[in-house]
N, C-alpha and C. Protein backbone atom coordinates (compact mmCIF):
# COMPACT_ATOMS: atom_id res chain seq x y z
N MET A 1 0.84 -1.18 0.00
CA MET A 1 0.00 0.00 0.00
C MET A 1 0.88 1.24 0.00
N SER A 2 0.50 2.25 -0.81
CA SER A 2 1.27 3.48 -0.88
C SER A 2 1.00 4.34 0.34
N THR A 3 2.04 4.98 0.88
CA THR A 3 1.90 5.85 2.03
C THR A 3 1.67 7.29 1.64
N GLY A 4 1.81 7.61 0.35
CA GLY A 4 1.66 8.99 -0.09
C GLY A 4 2.99 9.71 -0.19
N THR A 5 4.05 9.13 0.40
CA THR A 5 5.37 9.77 0.34
C THR A 5 6.29 9.07 -0.62
N MET A 6 5.94 7.87 -1.06
CA MET A 6 6.77 7.11 -1.98
C MET A 6 5.91 6.61 -3.12
N ILE A 7 6.36 6.84 -4.34
CA ILE A 7 5.62 6.35 -5.50
C ILE A 7 6.06 4.93 -5.81
N GLU A 8 5.12 4.02 -5.93
CA GLU A 8 5.46 2.64 -6.25
C GLU A 8 5.94 2.53 -7.69
N PRO A 9 7.01 1.75 -7.95
CA PRO A 9 7.42 1.52 -9.34
C PRO A 9 6.30 0.83 -10.11
N ILE A 10 6.22 1.09 -11.40
CA ILE A 10 5.20 0.46 -12.24
C ILE A 10 5.88 -0.31 -13.36
N ASP A 11 5.17 -1.22 -13.95
CA ASP A 11 5.76 -2.09 -14.97
C ASP A 11 5.65 -1.52 -16.36
N THR A 12 4.72 -0.59 -16.58
CA THR A 12 4.53 -0.06 -17.92
C THR A 12 4.97 1.40 -17.97
N PRO A 13 5.49 1.84 -19.12
CA PRO A 13 5.99 3.21 -19.21
C PRO A 13 4.91 4.25 -18.99
N HIS A 14 5.31 5.39 -18.41
CA HIS A 14 4.40 6.52 -18.32
C HIS A 14 5.09 7.71 -18.97
N ALA A 15 4.37 8.81 -19.11
CA ALA A 15 4.90 9.96 -19.84
C ALA A 15 6.14 10.52 -19.16
N SER A 16 7.15 10.78 -19.96
CA SER A 16 8.37 11.39 -19.44
C SER A 16 8.10 12.85 -19.10
N LEU A 17 9.02 13.47 -18.35
CA LEU A 17 8.88 14.88 -18.03
C LEU A 17 8.86 15.72 -19.30
N ALA A 18 9.69 15.36 -20.29
CA ALA A 18 9.69 16.10 -21.56
C ALA A 18 8.33 16.03 -22.23
N ALA A 19 7.68 14.87 -22.16
CA ALA A 19 6.35 14.72 -22.77
C ALA A 19 5.30 15.51 -22.01
N VAL A 20 5.50 15.71 -20.71
CA VAL A 20 4.58 16.53 -19.93
C VAL A 20 4.74 17.99 -20.29
N LEU A 21 6.00 18.44 -20.40
CA LEU A 21 6.27 19.84 -20.72
C LEU A 21 5.95 20.17 -22.17
N TRP A 22 6.21 19.19 -23.07
CA TRP A 22 5.97 19.41 -24.50
C TRP A 22 5.33 18.15 -25.05
N PRO A 23 4.02 18.02 -24.95
CA PRO A 23 3.33 16.79 -25.35
C PRO A 23 3.58 16.44 -26.82
N ASP A 24 3.75 15.16 -27.07
CA ASP A 24 3.96 14.67 -28.44
C ASP A 24 2.61 14.27 -29.01
N ARG A 25 1.90 15.25 -29.56
CA ARG A 25 0.54 15.00 -30.05
C ARG A 25 0.47 15.08 -31.56
N THR A 26 1.62 15.16 -32.21
CA THR A 26 1.63 15.33 -33.65
C THR A 26 2.43 14.21 -34.30
N GLU A 27 2.34 14.16 -35.63
CA GLU A 27 3.09 13.18 -36.41
C GLU A 27 3.84 13.89 -37.52
N GLY A 28 4.69 13.16 -38.19
CA GLY A 28 5.39 13.69 -39.35
C GLY A 28 6.41 14.75 -38.99
N PHE A 29 6.42 15.84 -39.74
CA PHE A 29 7.44 16.88 -39.59
C PHE A 29 7.43 17.49 -38.20
N SER A 30 6.24 17.76 -37.66
CA SER A 30 6.14 18.40 -36.35
C SER A 30 6.73 17.52 -35.25
N ALA A 31 6.47 16.22 -35.34
CA ALA A 31 7.03 15.30 -34.35
C ALA A 31 8.56 15.23 -34.48
N ALA A 32 9.04 15.21 -35.72
CA ALA A 32 10.48 15.17 -35.94
C ALA A 32 11.14 16.46 -35.45
N LEU A 33 10.46 17.58 -35.65
CA LEU A 33 10.99 18.87 -35.18
C LEU A 33 11.08 18.88 -33.67
N ARG A 34 10.05 18.35 -33.00
CA ARG A 34 10.07 18.28 -31.54
C ARG A 34 11.28 17.50 -31.05
N VAL A 35 11.51 16.33 -31.64
CA VAL A 35 12.65 15.50 -31.24
C VAL A 35 13.97 16.22 -31.50
N ALA A 36 14.06 16.86 -32.66
CA ALA A 36 15.29 17.57 -33.01
C ALA A 36 15.59 18.70 -32.03
N VAL A 37 14.55 19.43 -31.65
CA VAL A 37 14.74 20.54 -30.71
C VAL A 37 15.17 20.01 -29.34
N LEU A 38 14.53 18.94 -28.88
CA LEU A 38 14.89 18.37 -27.58
C LEU A 38 16.32 17.84 -27.59
N ILE A 39 16.72 17.18 -28.68
CA ILE A 39 18.09 16.68 -28.78
C ILE A 39 19.08 17.84 -28.82
N ALA A 40 18.75 18.88 -29.58
CA ALA A 40 19.64 20.05 -29.66
C ALA A 40 19.80 20.70 -28.29
N LEU A 41 18.70 20.82 -27.55
CA LEU A 41 18.76 21.39 -26.21
C LEU A 41 19.62 20.52 -25.30
N GLY A 42 19.42 19.20 -25.38
CA GLY A 42 20.19 18.29 -24.55
C GLY A 42 21.68 18.34 -24.85
N THR A 43 22.04 18.34 -26.13
CA THR A 43 23.47 18.38 -26.48
C THR A 43 24.09 19.72 -26.10
N ALA A 44 23.30 20.80 -26.18
CA ALA A 44 23.82 22.11 -25.75
C ALA A 44 24.10 22.12 -24.25
N LEU A 45 23.20 21.53 -23.47
CA LEU A 45 23.43 21.45 -22.03
C LEU A 45 24.63 20.57 -21.70
N LEU A 46 24.81 19.48 -22.44
CA LEU A 46 25.96 18.62 -22.23
C LEU A 46 27.26 19.35 -22.55
N THR A 47 27.23 20.13 -23.62
CA THR A 47 28.42 20.91 -23.99
C THR A 47 28.75 21.93 -22.91
N LEU A 48 27.74 22.65 -22.45
CA LEU A 48 27.96 23.64 -21.40
C LEU A 48 28.49 22.99 -20.12
N SER A 49 27.92 21.86 -19.76
CA SER A 49 28.35 21.18 -18.54
C SER A 49 29.77 20.66 -18.64
N ALA A 50 30.21 20.35 -19.87
CA ALA A 50 31.59 19.89 -20.07
C ALA A 50 32.59 21.01 -19.88
N LYS A 51 32.17 22.23 -20.19
CA LYS A 51 33.08 23.38 -20.10
C LYS A 51 33.25 23.85 -18.66
N ILE A 52 32.31 23.48 -17.79
CA ILE A 52 32.43 23.79 -16.36
C ILE A 52 33.17 22.62 -15.73
N ASN A 53 34.48 22.72 -15.64
CA ASN A 53 35.24 21.56 -15.21
C ASN A 53 36.42 21.93 -14.33
N LEU A 54 36.82 20.95 -13.54
CA LEU A 54 38.02 21.05 -12.71
C LEU A 54 39.05 20.10 -13.29
N PRO A 55 40.12 20.63 -13.89
CA PRO A 55 41.12 19.75 -14.52
C PRO A 55 41.80 18.85 -13.48
N LEU A 56 41.87 17.57 -13.80
CA LEU A 56 42.58 16.59 -12.99
C LEU A 56 43.57 15.87 -13.89
N PRO A 57 44.54 15.12 -13.32
CA PRO A 57 45.60 14.54 -14.15
C PRO A 57 45.13 13.69 -15.33
N TYR A 58 44.08 12.89 -15.15
CA TYR A 58 43.63 12.01 -16.23
C TYR A 58 42.25 12.39 -16.76
N VAL A 59 41.29 12.55 -15.85
CA VAL A 59 39.90 12.80 -16.25
C VAL A 59 39.41 14.05 -15.53
N PRO A 60 38.97 15.08 -16.26
CA PRO A 60 38.48 16.29 -15.60
C PRO A 60 37.16 16.04 -14.88
N MET A 61 36.93 16.78 -13.80
CA MET A 61 35.66 16.70 -13.09
C MET A 61 34.72 17.74 -13.68
N THR A 62 33.59 17.31 -14.22
CA THR A 62 32.64 18.21 -14.86
C THR A 62 31.25 18.01 -14.26
N LEU A 63 30.30 18.78 -14.78
CA LEU A 63 28.90 18.61 -14.39
C LEU A 63 28.16 17.66 -15.34
N GLN A 64 28.89 16.99 -16.22
CA GLN A 64 28.24 16.20 -17.25
C GLN A 64 27.42 15.03 -16.72
N THR A 65 27.92 14.36 -15.69
CA THR A 65 27.15 13.21 -15.21
C THR A 65 25.78 13.65 -14.70
N LEU A 66 25.73 14.81 -14.03
CA LEU A 66 24.44 15.35 -13.59
C LEU A 66 23.52 15.58 -14.78
N VAL A 67 24.02 16.22 -15.83
CA VAL A 67 23.20 16.54 -16.99
C VAL A 67 22.78 15.27 -17.72
N VAL A 68 23.69 14.32 -17.87
CA VAL A 68 23.36 13.04 -18.53
C VAL A 68 22.20 12.36 -17.83
N LEU A 69 22.26 12.30 -16.51
CA LEU A 69 21.23 11.59 -15.76
C LEU A 69 19.91 12.35 -15.73
N VAL A 70 19.98 13.68 -15.68
CA VAL A 70 18.76 14.48 -15.76
C VAL A 70 18.11 14.33 -17.13
N ILE A 71 18.93 14.31 -18.19
CA ILE A 71 18.39 14.09 -19.54
C ILE A 71 17.72 12.72 -19.62
N GLY A 72 18.37 11.70 -19.09
CA GLY A 72 17.76 10.38 -19.08
C GLY A 72 16.43 10.37 -18.34
N ALA A 73 16.42 10.98 -17.16
CA ALA A 73 15.20 11.01 -16.35
C ALA A 73 14.10 11.82 -17.01
N ALA A 74 14.46 12.93 -17.65
CA ALA A 74 13.46 13.82 -18.23
C ALA A 74 13.00 13.38 -19.61
N TYR A 75 13.88 12.76 -20.39
CA TYR A 75 13.56 12.39 -21.77
C TYR A 75 13.06 10.95 -21.91
N GLY A 76 13.40 10.09 -20.97
CA GLY A 76 13.11 8.68 -21.14
C GLY A 76 14.29 7.95 -21.77
N ALA A 77 14.18 6.63 -21.84
CA ALA A 77 15.31 5.79 -22.23
C ALA A 77 15.78 6.06 -23.65
N ARG A 78 14.89 5.97 -24.62
CA ARG A 78 15.33 6.04 -26.02
C ARG A 78 15.80 7.44 -26.41
N LEU A 79 15.00 8.46 -26.09
CA LEU A 79 15.38 9.82 -26.47
C LEU A 79 16.58 10.28 -25.65
N GLY A 80 16.67 9.88 -24.40
CA GLY A 80 17.81 10.24 -23.59
C GLY A 80 19.10 9.66 -24.14
N ALA A 81 19.09 8.35 -24.45
CA ALA A 81 20.29 7.71 -25.01
C ALA A 81 20.62 8.29 -26.38
N ALA A 82 19.60 8.56 -27.19
CA ALA A 82 19.83 9.13 -28.52
C ALA A 82 20.48 10.50 -28.42
N THR A 83 20.06 11.30 -27.46
CA THR A 83 20.63 12.63 -27.26
C THR A 83 22.12 12.53 -26.94
N VAL A 84 22.47 11.61 -26.06
CA VAL A 84 23.88 11.45 -25.71
C VAL A 84 24.68 10.94 -26.90
N MET A 85 24.10 10.04 -27.70
CA MET A 85 24.82 9.55 -28.88
C MET A 85 25.05 10.65 -29.90
N VAL A 86 24.06 11.54 -30.06
CA VAL A 86 24.25 12.68 -30.96
C VAL A 86 25.37 13.58 -30.43
N TYR A 87 25.40 13.79 -29.13
CA TYR A 87 26.47 14.59 -28.51
C TYR A 87 27.84 13.99 -28.81
N LEU A 88 27.98 12.68 -28.64
CA LEU A 88 29.26 12.03 -28.93
C LEU A 88 29.61 12.13 -30.41
N ALA A 89 28.60 12.02 -31.28
CA ALA A 89 28.84 12.15 -32.72
C ALA A 89 29.31 13.57 -33.05
N GLU A 90 28.72 14.57 -32.41
CA GLU A 90 29.17 15.95 -32.63
C GLU A 90 30.64 16.10 -32.26
N GLY A 91 31.03 15.52 -31.14
CA GLY A 91 32.42 15.59 -30.74
C GLY A 91 33.33 14.85 -31.70
N ALA A 92 32.90 13.68 -32.15
CA ALA A 92 33.71 12.89 -33.09
C ALA A 92 33.92 13.63 -34.40
N MET A 93 32.95 14.46 -34.78
CA MET A 93 33.07 15.23 -36.02
C MET A 93 33.96 16.47 -35.87
N GLY A 94 34.43 16.70 -34.66
CA GLY A 94 35.36 17.81 -34.45
C GLY A 94 34.78 19.02 -33.77
N LEU A 95 33.47 19.01 -33.46
CA LEU A 95 32.89 20.15 -32.76
C LEU A 95 33.42 20.19 -31.32
N PRO A 96 33.71 21.37 -30.80
CA PRO A 96 34.33 21.48 -29.47
C PRO A 96 33.32 21.32 -28.34
N VAL A 97 32.76 20.13 -28.22
CA VAL A 97 31.70 19.90 -27.24
C VAL A 97 32.20 19.22 -25.97
N PHE A 98 33.41 18.67 -26.00
CA PHE A 98 33.95 17.97 -24.84
C PHE A 98 34.66 18.95 -23.90
N ALA A 99 35.07 18.47 -22.74
CA ALA A 99 35.86 19.28 -21.83
C ALA A 99 37.16 19.68 -22.52
N GLY A 100 37.53 20.94 -22.41
CA GLY A 100 38.71 21.43 -23.12
C GLY A 100 38.29 22.18 -24.37
N PRO A 101 39.25 22.73 -25.09
CA PRO A 101 38.93 23.63 -26.20
C PRO A 101 38.64 22.96 -27.53
N VAL A 102 38.89 21.67 -27.67
CA VAL A 102 38.76 21.04 -28.98
C VAL A 102 37.87 19.81 -28.92
N GLY A 103 37.38 19.39 -30.10
CA GLY A 103 36.65 18.15 -30.24
C GLY A 103 37.53 17.13 -30.93
N GLY A 104 36.90 16.21 -31.64
CA GLY A 104 37.67 15.19 -32.34
C GLY A 104 37.63 13.85 -31.64
N LEU A 105 38.38 12.91 -32.18
CA LEU A 105 38.33 11.54 -31.69
C LEU A 105 39.16 11.31 -30.43
N ALA A 106 40.08 12.21 -30.11
CA ALA A 106 40.99 11.98 -28.99
C ALA A 106 40.27 11.67 -27.68
N PRO A 107 39.24 12.44 -27.29
CA PRO A 107 38.54 12.11 -26.04
C PRO A 107 37.81 10.77 -26.09
N LEU A 108 37.49 10.30 -27.31
CA LEU A 108 36.75 9.05 -27.46
C LEU A 108 37.66 7.82 -27.48
N ILE A 109 38.96 8.04 -27.49
CA ILE A 109 39.90 6.92 -27.44
C ILE A 109 40.92 7.10 -26.33
N GLY A 110 40.88 8.24 -25.64
CA GLY A 110 41.81 8.53 -24.57
C GLY A 110 41.25 8.15 -23.22
N PRO A 111 41.78 8.74 -22.14
CA PRO A 111 41.36 8.37 -20.78
C PRO A 111 39.88 8.57 -20.49
N THR A 112 39.25 9.52 -21.18
CA THR A 112 37.83 9.81 -20.89
C THR A 112 36.86 8.90 -21.65
N ALA A 113 37.37 8.05 -22.52
CA ALA A 113 36.49 7.27 -23.41
C ALA A 113 35.47 6.43 -22.66
N GLY A 114 35.90 5.74 -21.63
CA GLY A 114 34.98 4.88 -20.90
C GLY A 114 33.82 5.64 -20.30
N TYR A 115 34.10 6.79 -19.74
CA TYR A 115 33.04 7.61 -19.16
C TYR A 115 32.07 8.08 -20.23
N LEU A 116 32.62 8.56 -21.35
CA LEU A 116 31.78 9.10 -22.41
C LEU A 116 30.83 8.05 -22.97
N PHE A 117 31.34 6.85 -23.23
CA PHE A 117 30.45 5.81 -23.75
C PHE A 117 29.52 5.29 -22.65
N GLY A 118 29.97 5.37 -21.40
CA GLY A 118 29.09 5.01 -20.29
C GLY A 118 27.90 5.94 -20.15
N PHE A 119 28.06 7.19 -20.64
CA PHE A 119 26.95 8.14 -20.61
C PHE A 119 25.71 7.57 -21.31
N VAL A 120 25.92 6.90 -22.43
CA VAL A 120 24.79 6.39 -23.23
C VAL A 120 24.01 5.36 -22.42
N ALA A 121 24.71 4.39 -21.85
CA ALA A 121 24.04 3.35 -21.07
C ALA A 121 23.38 3.94 -19.83
N ALA A 122 24.04 4.90 -19.19
CA ALA A 122 23.49 5.50 -17.98
C ALA A 122 22.21 6.27 -18.29
N ALA A 123 22.20 7.03 -19.37
CA ALA A 123 20.99 7.76 -19.76
C ALA A 123 19.85 6.80 -20.06
N PHE A 124 20.16 5.70 -20.74
CA PHE A 124 19.13 4.72 -21.09
C PHE A 124 18.53 4.09 -19.83
N VAL A 125 19.38 3.63 -18.92
CA VAL A 125 18.91 2.93 -17.72
C VAL A 125 18.12 3.88 -16.82
N THR A 126 18.65 5.09 -16.62
CA THR A 126 17.93 6.07 -15.80
C THR A 126 16.59 6.42 -16.44
N GLY A 127 16.59 6.57 -17.77
CA GLY A 127 15.35 6.85 -18.47
C GLY A 127 14.35 5.71 -18.38
N TRP A 128 14.84 4.48 -18.48
CA TRP A 128 13.96 3.31 -18.40
C TRP A 128 13.28 3.23 -17.04
N LEU A 129 14.05 3.50 -15.99
CA LEU A 129 13.47 3.48 -14.65
C LEU A 129 12.50 4.64 -14.46
N SER A 130 12.84 5.80 -15.03
CA SER A 130 11.96 6.95 -14.91
C SER A 130 10.63 6.71 -15.60
N GLU A 131 10.66 6.01 -16.73
CA GLU A 131 9.43 5.69 -17.45
C GLU A 131 8.53 4.77 -16.65
N ARG A 132 9.05 4.19 -15.61
CA ARG A 132 8.28 3.30 -14.76
C ARG A 132 7.95 3.94 -13.42
N GLY A 133 7.96 5.26 -13.39
CA GLY A 133 7.49 5.99 -12.23
C GLY A 133 8.55 6.44 -11.25
N TRP A 134 9.82 6.08 -11.48
CA TRP A 134 10.85 6.42 -10.52
C TRP A 134 11.15 7.91 -10.50
N ASP A 135 10.75 8.64 -11.54
CA ASP A 135 11.02 10.09 -11.56
C ASP A 135 10.00 10.88 -10.75
N ARG A 136 9.02 10.21 -10.16
CA ARG A 136 8.02 10.89 -9.35
C ARG A 136 8.41 10.93 -7.88
N SER A 137 9.45 10.22 -7.51
CA SER A 137 9.85 10.08 -6.12
C SER A 137 11.32 10.42 -5.96
N VAL A 138 11.66 11.30 -5.03
CA VAL A 138 13.07 11.65 -4.80
C VAL A 138 13.90 10.43 -4.40
N PRO A 139 13.45 9.60 -3.44
CA PRO A 139 14.27 8.43 -3.08
C PRO A 139 14.47 7.46 -4.25
N LEU A 140 13.40 7.18 -5.01
CA LEU A 140 13.53 6.25 -6.12
C LEU A 140 14.42 6.82 -7.22
N LEU A 141 14.26 8.12 -7.52
CA LEU A 141 15.10 8.70 -8.56
C LEU A 141 16.55 8.79 -8.10
N PHE A 142 16.77 8.99 -6.82
CA PHE A 142 18.14 8.97 -6.29
C PHE A 142 18.78 7.62 -6.57
N VAL A 143 18.02 6.54 -6.34
CA VAL A 143 18.53 5.20 -6.62
C VAL A 143 18.79 5.02 -8.11
N ALA A 144 17.84 5.46 -8.94
CA ALA A 144 18.00 5.33 -10.39
C ALA A 144 19.24 6.07 -10.88
N MET A 145 19.43 7.28 -10.37
CA MET A 145 20.61 8.06 -10.78
C MET A 145 21.88 7.48 -10.20
N ALA A 146 21.79 6.88 -9.02
CA ALA A 146 22.96 6.21 -8.45
C ALA A 146 23.39 5.04 -9.34
N VAL A 147 22.41 4.31 -9.86
CA VAL A 147 22.73 3.23 -10.80
C VAL A 147 23.42 3.82 -12.03
N GLY A 148 22.89 4.95 -12.53
CA GLY A 148 23.53 5.61 -13.66
C GLY A 148 24.95 6.02 -13.37
N HIS A 149 25.19 6.59 -12.19
CA HIS A 149 26.55 6.98 -11.82
C HIS A 149 27.48 5.75 -11.73
N ILE A 150 26.96 4.67 -11.18
CA ILE A 150 27.76 3.45 -11.09
C ILE A 150 28.14 2.94 -12.48
N ILE A 151 27.20 3.02 -13.42
CA ILE A 151 27.49 2.61 -14.80
C ILE A 151 28.59 3.48 -15.39
N ILE A 152 28.47 4.80 -15.24
CA ILE A 152 29.45 5.72 -15.81
C ILE A 152 30.83 5.49 -15.19
N LEU A 153 30.89 5.46 -13.87
CA LEU A 153 32.17 5.28 -13.19
C LEU A 153 32.74 3.89 -13.47
N GLY A 154 31.87 2.89 -13.55
CA GLY A 154 32.34 1.54 -13.84
C GLY A 154 32.94 1.43 -15.22
N CYS A 155 32.29 2.05 -16.22
CA CYS A 155 32.84 2.03 -17.58
C CYS A 155 34.16 2.79 -17.63
N GLY A 156 34.20 3.94 -16.95
CA GLY A 156 35.44 4.71 -16.92
C GLY A 156 36.57 3.97 -16.25
N PHE A 157 36.26 3.32 -15.12
CA PHE A 157 37.26 2.54 -14.40
C PHE A 157 37.79 1.39 -15.25
N ALA A 158 36.89 0.65 -15.88
CA ALA A 158 37.30 -0.50 -16.69
C ALA A 158 38.21 -0.05 -17.84
N TRP A 159 37.86 1.07 -18.48
CA TRP A 159 38.68 1.54 -19.60
C TRP A 159 40.07 1.99 -19.13
N LEU A 160 40.10 2.71 -18.01
CA LEU A 160 41.39 3.16 -17.48
C LEU A 160 42.25 1.97 -17.06
N ALA A 161 41.63 1.01 -16.38
CA ALA A 161 42.38 -0.12 -15.84
C ALA A 161 42.88 -1.04 -16.92
N PHE A 162 42.04 -1.33 -17.93
CA PHE A 162 42.39 -2.36 -18.91
C PHE A 162 42.62 -1.79 -20.31
N GLY A 163 41.81 -0.81 -20.72
CA GLY A 163 42.02 -0.22 -22.03
C GLY A 163 43.27 0.66 -22.07
N MET A 164 43.44 1.49 -21.04
CA MET A 164 44.61 2.36 -20.94
C MET A 164 45.76 1.70 -20.20
N LYS A 165 45.49 0.51 -19.66
CA LYS A 165 46.51 -0.30 -18.98
C LYS A 165 47.13 0.43 -17.79
N LEU A 166 46.30 1.13 -17.02
CA LEU A 166 46.80 1.79 -15.81
C LEU A 166 46.86 0.83 -14.63
N GLY A 167 46.13 -0.28 -14.72
CA GLY A 167 46.04 -1.19 -13.60
C GLY A 167 44.91 -0.80 -12.67
N VAL A 168 44.46 -1.76 -11.87
CA VAL A 168 43.28 -1.55 -11.03
C VAL A 168 43.53 -0.47 -9.98
N GLY A 169 44.66 -0.52 -9.31
CA GLY A 169 44.93 0.44 -8.24
C GLY A 169 44.99 1.87 -8.75
N LYS A 170 45.74 2.09 -9.82
CA LYS A 170 45.88 3.43 -10.39
C LYS A 170 44.55 3.92 -10.94
N ALA A 171 43.82 3.04 -11.63
CA ALA A 171 42.53 3.43 -12.19
C ALA A 171 41.57 3.84 -11.08
N TRP A 172 41.61 3.14 -9.98
CA TRP A 172 40.75 3.51 -8.85
C TRP A 172 41.13 4.88 -8.29
N SER A 173 42.40 5.12 -8.11
CA SER A 173 42.85 6.35 -7.46
C SER A 173 42.63 7.59 -8.33
N VAL A 174 42.70 7.43 -9.66
CA VAL A 174 42.54 8.61 -10.53
C VAL A 174 41.17 8.66 -11.21
N GLY A 175 40.49 7.52 -11.26
CA GLY A 175 39.25 7.46 -12.03
C GLY A 175 37.98 7.27 -11.23
N ILE A 176 38.10 6.89 -9.94
CA ILE A 176 36.92 6.66 -9.11
C ILE A 176 36.96 7.53 -7.85
N ALA A 177 38.02 7.40 -7.08
CA ALA A 177 38.10 8.06 -5.78
C ALA A 177 37.83 9.57 -5.82
N PRO A 178 38.38 10.32 -6.81
CA PRO A 178 38.15 11.77 -6.79
C PRO A 178 36.70 12.16 -7.09
N PHE A 179 35.90 11.22 -7.60
CA PHE A 179 34.57 11.58 -8.09
C PHE A 179 33.42 11.11 -7.20
N VAL A 180 33.72 10.34 -6.16
CA VAL A 180 32.65 9.74 -5.36
C VAL A 180 31.82 10.81 -4.65
N ALA A 181 32.47 11.72 -3.93
CA ALA A 181 31.73 12.74 -3.18
C ALA A 181 30.91 13.63 -4.12
N ALA A 182 31.54 14.08 -5.22
CA ALA A 182 30.83 14.94 -6.18
C ALA A 182 29.65 14.19 -6.80
N SER A 183 29.81 12.90 -7.07
CA SER A 183 28.72 12.12 -7.66
C SER A 183 27.53 12.05 -6.72
N LEU A 184 27.77 11.91 -5.42
CA LEU A 184 26.67 11.86 -4.46
C LEU A 184 25.92 13.20 -4.42
N ILE A 185 26.68 14.30 -4.48
CA ILE A 185 26.05 15.62 -4.46
C ILE A 185 25.22 15.82 -5.73
N LYS A 186 25.80 15.49 -6.89
CA LYS A 186 25.08 15.65 -8.15
C LYS A 186 23.86 14.73 -8.19
N ASN A 187 24.00 13.55 -7.62
CA ASN A 187 22.89 12.61 -7.55
C ASN A 187 21.72 13.21 -6.77
N ALA A 188 22.04 13.81 -5.64
CA ALA A 188 21.00 14.40 -4.80
C ALA A 188 20.34 15.58 -5.50
N LEU A 189 21.12 16.41 -6.19
CA LEU A 189 20.56 17.55 -6.90
C LEU A 189 19.59 17.10 -8.00
N GLY A 190 20.04 16.14 -8.81
CA GLY A 190 19.20 15.65 -9.89
C GLY A 190 17.94 14.97 -9.38
N ALA A 191 18.07 14.19 -8.30
CA ALA A 191 16.93 13.47 -7.75
C ALA A 191 15.91 14.40 -7.13
N ALA A 192 16.36 15.57 -6.68
CA ALA A 192 15.41 16.56 -6.14
C ALA A 192 14.78 17.40 -7.23
N LEU A 193 15.55 17.70 -8.28
CA LEU A 193 15.09 18.62 -9.31
C LEU A 193 13.96 18.07 -10.16
N VAL A 194 14.15 16.88 -10.71
CA VAL A 194 13.18 16.35 -11.67
C VAL A 194 11.81 16.11 -11.03
N PRO A 195 11.71 15.46 -9.87
CA PRO A 195 10.36 15.30 -9.27
C PRO A 195 9.72 16.62 -8.90
N ALA A 196 10.53 17.62 -8.50
CA ALA A 196 9.96 18.92 -8.14
C ALA A 196 9.31 19.58 -9.36
N ILE A 197 10.01 19.54 -10.50
CA ILE A 197 9.44 20.10 -11.73
C ILE A 197 8.19 19.33 -12.12
N ARG A 198 8.27 18.02 -11.99
CA ARG A 198 7.14 17.17 -12.38
C ARG A 198 5.92 17.48 -11.52
N ARG A 199 6.12 17.61 -10.21
CA ARG A 199 4.98 17.90 -9.32
C ARG A 199 4.36 19.27 -9.64
N THR A 200 5.21 20.24 -9.96
CA THR A 200 4.72 21.57 -10.30
C THR A 200 3.78 21.53 -11.50
N PHE A 201 4.21 20.82 -12.55
CA PHE A 201 3.39 20.77 -13.75
C PHE A 201 2.21 19.82 -13.61
N ASP A 202 2.35 18.78 -12.77
CA ASP A 202 1.21 17.91 -12.52
C ASP A 202 0.09 18.68 -11.83
N ARG A 203 0.45 19.56 -10.89
CA ARG A 203 -0.56 20.36 -10.18
C ARG A 203 -1.23 21.33 -11.14
N ARG A 204 -0.43 21.93 -12.03
CA ARG A 204 -1.01 22.86 -13.00
C ARG A 204 -1.92 22.15 -13.98
N GLY A 205 -1.54 20.86 -14.29
CA GLY A 205 -2.35 20.12 -15.24
C GLY A 205 -3.64 19.61 -14.64
């Protein structure tokens, strides 16, 4: 039985926050335009969040994980993952969307590669859980975003340890340990933000 303070997870998808704010009631060109605008907005936010960074020896600390997980929670699994993939494609084409002044393939094959590709899986998983009601509850969304953070950090750790051949100890010290506290803070911010926006518009609706 629900207590009124926790939303029970559901088995079938419900409308994402993006669909609440901008309902998808059209087909054809208008529907494609809606998706294009949402993806453009998402990639712009990812780019901005990459530029707000604290340089570290191997992997800079940015606000990107927060934005990735909020995009997943707000857009849902498919659109969230697609937005991140478009962002990575923009970087691969040379657009300066990654942390630092340049784009290109270097970030996608260097120390940051594991994290960047982990963004796609994290957005999808967070979006999938959100589509099942987890975005209506701060505790549940905190858990969903925590899973997303674990995916991102796990992919980054694995790439540093084995792809970059840093070894487990070094990969942990440069790729996980510096980010744990910041990840918890970003997790809490994202988990509070999305349900608050959702409740505001649910009341208006």
